């Protein structure tokens, strides 16, 4: 089986995957997932890819409330994908598989490719964004959702390596030949939208 992680990227096995399952039940996580889901629903996109889906919370939420949406999701962790597939049983419009920001097993192009709480893990952010841009449909966009390091309260400062800022995301996008087309912030959660320059 291929290894979808780059050296130095945090690996998520069975124990960490279970911990993430508990995290999705916390108030902070629920606020994040509501923010992302409503933001994506308002986009009008019909084919969406989640990169670094973890346990698949956002695609499953979207698939349940929007049966017309086609949702695809990848994660490099076999344990995470196993949980996502189990949680999505019966949903015909959500597909999960092993992959990464550098390797998407699903064919075709996507209106939106998004990542939530995953971007900060990527060791080759520019290379990943460059690759993902090749998988966008005409006019498509990449959306990066993270907790905002600039707005983190002192308790969360210790986790600052697991956060980002809009300017950091925009700079990685610029190096990958993309432009920041819009951004949004709500309650310490940020979204940076990147598009092709031409």
C-alpha atoms as a PDB file:
ATOM      1  CA  UNK A   1       0.000   0.000   0.000  1.00  0.00           C
ATOM      2  CA  UNK A   2       1.399   3.478  -0.889  1.00  0.00           C
ATOM      3  CA  UNK A   3       2.484   5.822   1.889  1.00  0.00           C
ATOM      4  CA  UNK A   4       0.645   9.116   1.410  1.00  0.00           C
ATOM      5  CA  UNK A   5       2.623  10.996   4.059  1.00  0.00           C
ATOM      6  CA  UNK A   6       5.748  13.052   3.443  1.00  0.00           C
ATOM      7  CA  UNK A   7       8.575  12.647   5.931  1.00  0.00           C
ATOM      8  CA  UNK A   8       7.894  14.834   8.953  1.00  0.00           C
ATOM      9  CA  UNK A   9       4.116  15.003   8.511  1.00  0.00           C
ATOM     10  CA  UNK A  10       2.064  13.997  11.540  1.00  0.00           C
ATOM     11  CA  UNK A  11       0.689  10.479  11.147  1.00  0.00           C
ATOM     12  CA  UNK A  12      -2.725   9.461  12.454  1.00  0.00           C
ATOM     13  CA  UNK A  13      -3.136   5.836  13.445  1.00  0.00           C
ATOM     14  CA  UNK A  14      -6.065   4.104  15.194  1.00  0.00           C
ATOM     15  CA  UNK A  15      -5.660   5.882  18.565  1.00  0.00           C
ATOM     16  CA  UNK A  16      -5.362   9.434  17.178  1.00  0.00           C
ATOM     17  CA  UNK A  17      -8.202   8.741  14.743  1.00  0.00           C
ATOM     18  CA  UNK A  18     -10.468   7.777  17.656  1.00  0.00           C
ATOM     19  CA  UNK A  19      -9.435  10.946  19.517  1.00  0.00           C
ATOM     20  CA  UNK A  20     -10.465  12.984  16.470  1.00  0.00           C
ATOM     21  CA  UNK A  21     -13.833  11.229  16.582  1.00  0.00           C
ATOM     22  CA  UNK A  22     -14.278  12.623  20.106  1.00  0.00           C
ATOM     23  CA  UNK A  23     -13.006  16.084  19.075  1.00  0.00           C
ATOM     24  CA  UNK A  24     -15.793  16.432  16.504  1.00  0.00           C
ATOM     25  CA  UNK A  25     -18.309  16.341  19.377  1.00  0.00           C
ATOM     26  CA  UNK A  26     -16.811  19.361  21.194  1.00  0.00           C
ATOM     27  CA  UNK A  27     -18.386  22.810  20.995  1.00  0.00           C
ATOM     28  CA  UNK A  28     -15.313  24.259  19.242  1.00  0.00           C
ATOM     29  CA  UNK A  29     -15.403  21.544  16.594  1.00  0.00           C
ATOM     30  CA  UNK A  30     -19.146  21.907  16.033  1.00  0.00           C
ATOM     31  CA  UNK A  31     -18.712  25.670  15.493  1.00  0.00           C
ATOM     32  CA  UNK A  32     -15.958  24.953  12.963  1.00  0.00           C
ATOM     33  CA  UNK A  33     -18.030  22.371  11.077  1.00  0.00           C
ATOM     34  CA  UNK A  34     -21.094  24.670  10.982  1.00  0.00           C
ATOM     35  CA  UNK A  35     -18.932  27.497   9.623  1.00  0.00           C
ATOM     36  CA  UNK A  36     -17.445  25.303   6.887  1.00  0.00           C
ATOM     37  CA  UNK A  37     -20.724  23.614   5.932  1.00  0.00           C
ATOM     38  CA  UNK A  38     -22.690  26.857   5.614  1.00  0.00           C
ATOM     39  CA  UNK A  39     -19.818  28.476   3.698  1.00  0.00           C
ATOM     40  CA  UNK A  40     -19.665  25.597   1.205  1.00  0.00           C
ATOM     41  CA  UNK A  41     -23.453  25.337   0.856  1.00  0.00           C
ATOM     42  CA  UNK A  42     -23.576  29.036  -0.089  1.00  0.00           C
ATOM     43  CA  UNK A  43     -20.992  28.505  -2.848  1.00  0.00           C
ATOM     44  CA  UNK A  44     -23.343  26.865  -5.342  1.00  0.00           C
ATOM     45  CA  UNK A  45     -20.693  24.233  -6.138  1.00  0.00           C
ATOM     46  CA  UNK A  46     -21.899  20.817  -7.250  1.00  0.00           C
ATOM     47  CA  UNK A  47     -18.687  18.738  -7.080  1.00  0.00           C
ATOM     48  CA  UNK A  48     -16.553  19.193  -3.972  1.00  0.00           C
ATOM     49  CA  UNK A  49     -13.364  17.499  -2.770  1.00  0.00           C
ATOM     50  CA  UNK A  50     -12.204  17.457   0.868  1.00  0.00           C
ATOM     51  CA  UNK A  51      -8.441  16.948   1.284  1.00  0.00           C
ATOM     52  CA  UNK A  52      -7.357  15.684   4.708  1.00  0.00           C
ATOM     53  CA  UNK A  53     -10.931  14.801   5.622  1.00  0.00           C
ATOM     54  CA  UNK A  54     -10.048  13.001   8.840  1.00  0.00           C
ATOM     55  CA  UNK A  55     -13.155  11.182  10.008  1.00  0.00           C
ATOM     56  CA  UNK A  56     -15.232  12.763   7.213  1.00  0.00           C
ATOM     57  CA  UNK A  57     -17.427  15.009   9.349  1.00  0.00           C
ATOM     58  CA  UNK A  58     -17.903  17.873   6.869  1.00  0.00           C
ATOM     59  CA  UNK A  59     -18.597  15.781   3.730  1.00  0.00           C
ATOM     60  CA  UNK A  60     -21.046  13.632   5.701  1.00  0.00           C
ATOM     61  CA  UNK A  61     -22.884  16.718   7.010  1.00  0.00           C
ATOM     62  CA  UNK A  62     -23.068  18.177   3.493  1.00  0.00           C
ATOM     63  CA  UNK A  63     -24.129  14.883   1.905  1.00  0.00           C
ATOM     64  CA  UNK A  64     -27.003  14.479   4.368  1.00  0.00           C
ATOM     65  CA  UNK A  65     -28.356  18.003   3.908  1.00  0.00           C
ATOM     66  CA  UNK A  66     -27.647  18.347   0.147  1.00  0.00           C
ATOM     67  CA  UNK A  67     -28.464  15.119  -1.719  1.00  0.00           C
ATOM     68  CA  UNK A  68     -27.678  16.771  -5.077  1.00  0.00           C
ATOM     69  CA  UNK A  69     -24.070  17.504  -4.112  1.00  0.00           C
ATOM     70  CA  UNK A  70     -21.303  15.140  -5.182  1.00  0.00           C
ATOM     71  CA  UNK A  71     -18.757  14.903  -2.388  1.00  0.00           C
ATOM     72  CA  UNK A  72     -15.350  13.260  -2.470  1.00  0.00           C
ATOM     73  CA  UNK A  73     -12.827  13.060   0.345  1.00  0.00           C
ATOM     74  CA  UNK A  74      -9.303  11.766   0.862  1.00  0.00           C
ATOM     75  CA  UNK A  75      -7.010  11.309   3.833  1.00  0.00           C
ATOM     76  CA  UNK A  76      -3.568   9.676   4.142  1.00  0.00           C
ATOM     77  CA  UNK A  77      -4.648   7.776   7.265  1.00  0.00           C
ATOM     78  CA  UNK A  78      -6.205   4.364   6.723  1.00  0.00           C
ATOM     79  CA  UNK A  79      -7.703   4.568  10.233  1.00  0.00           C
ATOM     80  CA  UNK A  80      -9.395   7.915   9.513  1.00  0.00           C
ATOM     81  CA  UNK A  81     -10.831   6.666   6.212  1.00  0.00           C
ATOM     82  CA  UNK A  82     -12.137   3.529   7.891  1.00  0.00           C
ATOM     83  CA  UNK A  83     -14.106   5.670  10.383  1.00  0.00           C
ATOM     84  CA  UNK A  84     -15.350   7.993   7.608  1.00  0.00           C
ATOM     85  CA  UNK A  85     -16.581   5.080   5.486  1.00  0.00           C
ATOM     86  CA  UNK A  86     -18.329   3.505   8.461  1.00  0.00           C
ATOM     87  CA  UNK A  87     -19.994   6.818   9.407  1.00  0.00           C
ATOM     88  CA  UNK A  88     -21.159   7.460   5.830  1.00  0.00           C
ATOM     89  CA  UNK A  89     -22.854   4.109   5.181  1.00  0.00           C
ATOM     90  CA  UNK A  90     -25.980   4.588   3.094  1.00  0.00           C
ATOM     91  CA  UNK A  91     -24.918   7.956   1.659  1.00  0.00           C
ATOM     92  CA  UNK A  92     -24.746   7.619  -2.110  1.00  0.00           C
ATOM     93  CA  UNK A  93     -23.324  11.103  -2.759  1.00  0.00           C
ATOM     94  CA  UNK A  94     -20.190  10.886  -0.563  1.00  0.00           C
ATOM     95  CA  UNK A  95     -17.099   8.855  -1.495  1.00  0.00           C
ATOM     96  CA  UNK A  96     -14.009   8.382   0.668  1.00  0.00           C
ATOM     97  CA  UNK A  97     -10.562   7.038  -0.181  1.00  0.00           C
ATOM     98  CA  UNK A  98      -6.908   7.085   0.740  1.00  0.00           C
ATOM     99  CA  UNK A  99      -4.950   9.992  -0.701  1.00  0.00           C
ATOM    100  CA  UNK A 100      -3.330  13.303   0.132  1.00  0.00           C
ATOM    101  CA  UNK A 101      -2.839  16.857  -1.068  1.00  0.00           C
ATOM    102  CA  UNK A 102      -0.410  15.390  -3.604  1.00  0.00           C
ATOM    103  CA  UNK A 103      -2.384  12.327  -4.686  1.00  0.00           C
ATOM    104  CA  UNK A 104      -6.119  12.308  -5.459  1.00  0.00           C
ATOM    105  CA  UNK A 105      -7.470   8.928  -6.520  1.00  0.00           C
ATOM    106  CA  UNK A 106     -10.791  10.266  -7.816  1.00  0.00           C
ATOM    107  CA  UNK A 107     -11.015  11.276 -11.468  1.00  0.00           C
ATOM    108  CA  UNK A 108     -12.400  14.463 -12.928  1.00  0.00           C
ATOM    109  CA  UNK A 109     -12.303  18.089 -11.874  1.00  0.00           C
ATOM    110  CA  UNK A 110     -13.814  19.795  -8.833  1.00  0.00           C
ATOM    111  CA  UNK A 111     -15.653  23.093  -8.378  1.00  0.00           C
ATOM    112  CA  UNK A 112     -14.198  23.458  -4.892  1.00  0.00           C
ATOM    113  CA  UNK A 113     -11.308  21.675  -3.252  1.00  0.00           C
ATOM    114  CA  UNK A 114     -11.190  22.413   0.445  1.00  0.00           C
ATOM    115  CA  UNK A 115      -9.138  21.450   3.451  1.00  0.00           C
ATOM    116  CA  UNK A 116     -10.013  21.999   7.102  1.00  0.00           C
ATOM    117  CA  UNK A 117      -7.473  21.833   9.940  1.00  0.00           C
ATOM    118  CA  UNK A 118      -5.142  19.982   7.592  1.00  0.00           C
ATOM    119  CA  UNK A 119      -3.183  22.679   5.742  1.00  0.00           C
ATOM    120  CA  UNK A 120      -0.864  23.329   8.692  1.00  0.00           C
ATOM    121  CA  UNK A 121       0.246  19.652   8.525  1.00  0.00           C
ATOM    122  CA  UNK A 122       1.399  19.832   4.879  1.00  0.00           C
ATOM    123  CA  UNK A 123       5.192  19.827   4.547  1.00  0.00           C
ATOM    124  CA  UNK A 124       5.100  20.958   0.907  1.00  0.00           C
ATOM    125  CA  UNK A 125       2.320  23.536   0.895  1.00  0.00           C
ATOM    126  CA  UNK A 126       3.289  25.158  -2.417  1.00  0.00           C
ATOM    127  CA  UNK A 127       3.694  21.829  -4.225  1.00  0.00           C
ATOM    128  CA  UNK A 128       0.393  20.588  -2.847  1.00  0.00           C
ATOM    129  CA  UNK A 129      -1.487  23.737  -3.883  1.00  0.00           C
ATOM    130  CA  UNK A 130       0.093  23.598  -7.343  1.00  0.00           C
ATOM    131  CA  UNK A 131      -1.068  19.980  -7.748  1.00  0.00           C
ATOM    132  CA  UNK A 132      -4.567  20.656  -6.408  1.00  0.00           C
ATOM    133  CA  UNK A 133      -4.977  23.588  -8.817  1.00  0.00           C
ATOM    134  CA  UNK A 134      -4.651  21.111 -11.706  1.00  0.00           C
ATOM    135  CA  UNK A 135      -7.740  19.314 -10.371  1.00  0.00           C
ATOM    136  CA  UNK A 136      -9.971  22.406 -10.381  1.00  0.00           C
ATOM    137  CA  UNK A 137     -12.744  22.878 -12.909  1.00  0.00           C
ATOM    138  CA  UNK A 138     -12.838  26.169 -14.835  1.00  0.00           C
ATOM    139  CA  UNK A 139     -13.433  28.945 -12.326  1.00  0.00           C
ATOM    140  CA  UNK A 140     -12.878  26.504  -9.457  1.00  0.00           C
ATOM    141  CA  UNK A 141     -11.273  27.420  -6.165  1.00  0.00           C
ATOM    142  CA  UNK A 142      -9.318  26.042  -3.236  1.00  0.00           C
ATOM    143  CA  UNK A 143     -10.627  26.908   0.219  1.00  0.00           C
ATOM    144  CA  UNK A 144      -8.413  26.564   3.287  1.00  0.00           C
ATOM    145  CA  UNK A 145     -10.104  26.526   6.710  1.00  0.00           C
ATOM    146  CA  UNK A 146      -7.986  26.825   9.866  1.00  0.00           C
ATOM    147  CA  UNK A 147      -8.106  28.198  13.374  1.00  0.00           C
ATOM    148  CA  UNK A 148      -6.657  31.728  13.312  1.00  0.00           C
ATOM    149  CA  UNK A 149      -3.292  31.920  15.072  1.00  0.00           C
ATOM    150  CA  UNK A 150      -3.669  35.691  15.313  1.00  0.00           C
ATOM    151  CA  UNK A 151      -6.898  35.402  17.313  1.00  0.00           C
ATOM    152  CA  UNK A 152      -5.944  32.457  19.525  1.00  0.00           C
ATOM    153  CA  UNK A 153      -6.445  33.017  23.238  1.00  0.00           C
ATOM    154  CA  UNK A 154      -3.447  32.354  25.519  1.00  0.00           C
ATOM    155  CA  UNK A 155      -4.655  28.825  26.365  1.00  0.00           C
ATOM    156  CA  UNK A 156      -4.527  27.830  22.685  1.00  0.00           C
ATOM    157  CA  UNK A 157      -1.199  29.587  21.921  1.00  0.00           C
ATOM    158  CA  UNK A 158       0.582  26.332  22.799  1.00  0.00           C
ATOM    159  CA  UNK A 159      -1.173  24.803  19.779  1.00  0.00           C
ATOM    160  CA  UNK A 160      -0.136  27.616  17.422  1.00  0.00           C
ATOM    161  CA  UNK A 161       1.702  25.183  15.129  1.00  0.00           C
ATOM    162  CA  UNK A 162      -1.749  23.680  14.457  1.00  0.00           C
ATOM    163  CA  UNK A 163      -3.131  27.054  13.330  1.00  0.00           C
ATOM    164  CA  UNK A 164      -2.483  29.493  10.509  1.00  0.00           C
ATOM    165  CA  UNK A 165      -3.199  33.021   9.297  1.00  0.00           C
ATOM    166  CA  UNK A 166      -4.777  34.282   6.101  1.00  0.00           C
ATOM    167  CA  UNK A 167      -1.504  35.979   5.113  1.00  0.00           C
ATOM    168  CA  UNK A 168       0.438  32.699   5.500  1.00  0.00           C
ATOM    169  CA  UNK A 169      -2.075  30.839   3.346  1.00  0.00           C
ATOM    170  CA  UNK A 170      -2.061  33.663   0.775  1.00  0.00           C
ATOM    171  CA  UNK A 171       1.757  33.573   0.616  1.00  0.00           C
ATOM    172  CA  UNK A 172       1.808  29.789   0.044  1.00  0.00           C
ATOM    173  CA  UNK A 173      -0.796  30.314  -2.669  1.00  0.00           C
ATOM    174  CA  UNK A 174       1.251  33.080  -4.303  1.00  0.00           C
ATOM    175  CA  UNK A 175       4.305  30.814  -4.438  1.00  0.00           C
ATOM    176  CA  UNK A 176       2.126  28.158  -6.070  1.00  0.00           C
ATOM    177  CA  UNK A 177       0.880  30.600  -8.730  1.00  0.00           C
ATOM    178  CA  UNK A 178      -2.497  31.248  -7.095  1.00  0.00           C
ATOM    179  CA  UNK A 179      -4.122  34.430  -5.835  1.00  0.00           C
ATOM    180  CA  UNK A 180      -6.138  35.094  -2.697  1.00  0.00           C
ATOM    181  CA  UNK A 181      -9.589  35.915  -4.073  1.00  0.00           C
ATOM    182  CA  UNK A 182     -11.434  36.270  -0.772  1.00  0.00           C
ATOM    183  CA  UNK A 183     -11.247  35.520   2.926  1.00  0.00           C
ATOM    184  CA  UNK A 184     -13.628  35.201   5.830  1.00  0.00           C
ATOM    185  CA  UNK A 185     -13.285  35.089   9.618  1.00  0.00           C
ATOM    186  CA  UNK A 186     -15.732  34.032  12.295  1.00  0.00           C
ATOM    187  CA  UNK A 187     -15.032  33.368  15.950  1.00  0.00           C
ATOM    188  CA  UNK A 188     -11.351  32.571  15.479  1.00  0.00           C
ATOM    189  CA  UNK A 189     -11.946  30.428  12.384  1.00  0.00           C
ATOM    190  CA  UNK A 190     -10.581  31.607   9.036  1.00  0.00           C
ATOM    191  CA  UNK A 191     -11.226  30.725   5.414  1.00  0.00           C
ATOM    192  CA  UNK A 192      -8.841  31.731   2.635  1.00  0.00           C
ATOM    193  CA  UNK A 193      -9.992  31.200  -0.951  1.00  0.00           C
ATOM    194  CA  UNK A 194      -7.339  30.705  -3.613  1.00  0.00           C
ATOM    195  CA  UNK A 195      -7.851  30.824  -7.391  1.00  0.00           C
ATOM    196  CA  UNK A 196      -5.713  30.551 -10.490  1.00  0.00           C
ATOM    197  CA  UNK A 197      -4.237  33.875 -11.573  1.00  0.00           C
ATOM    198  CA  UNK A 198      -5.269  33.527 -15.236  1.00  0.00           C
END
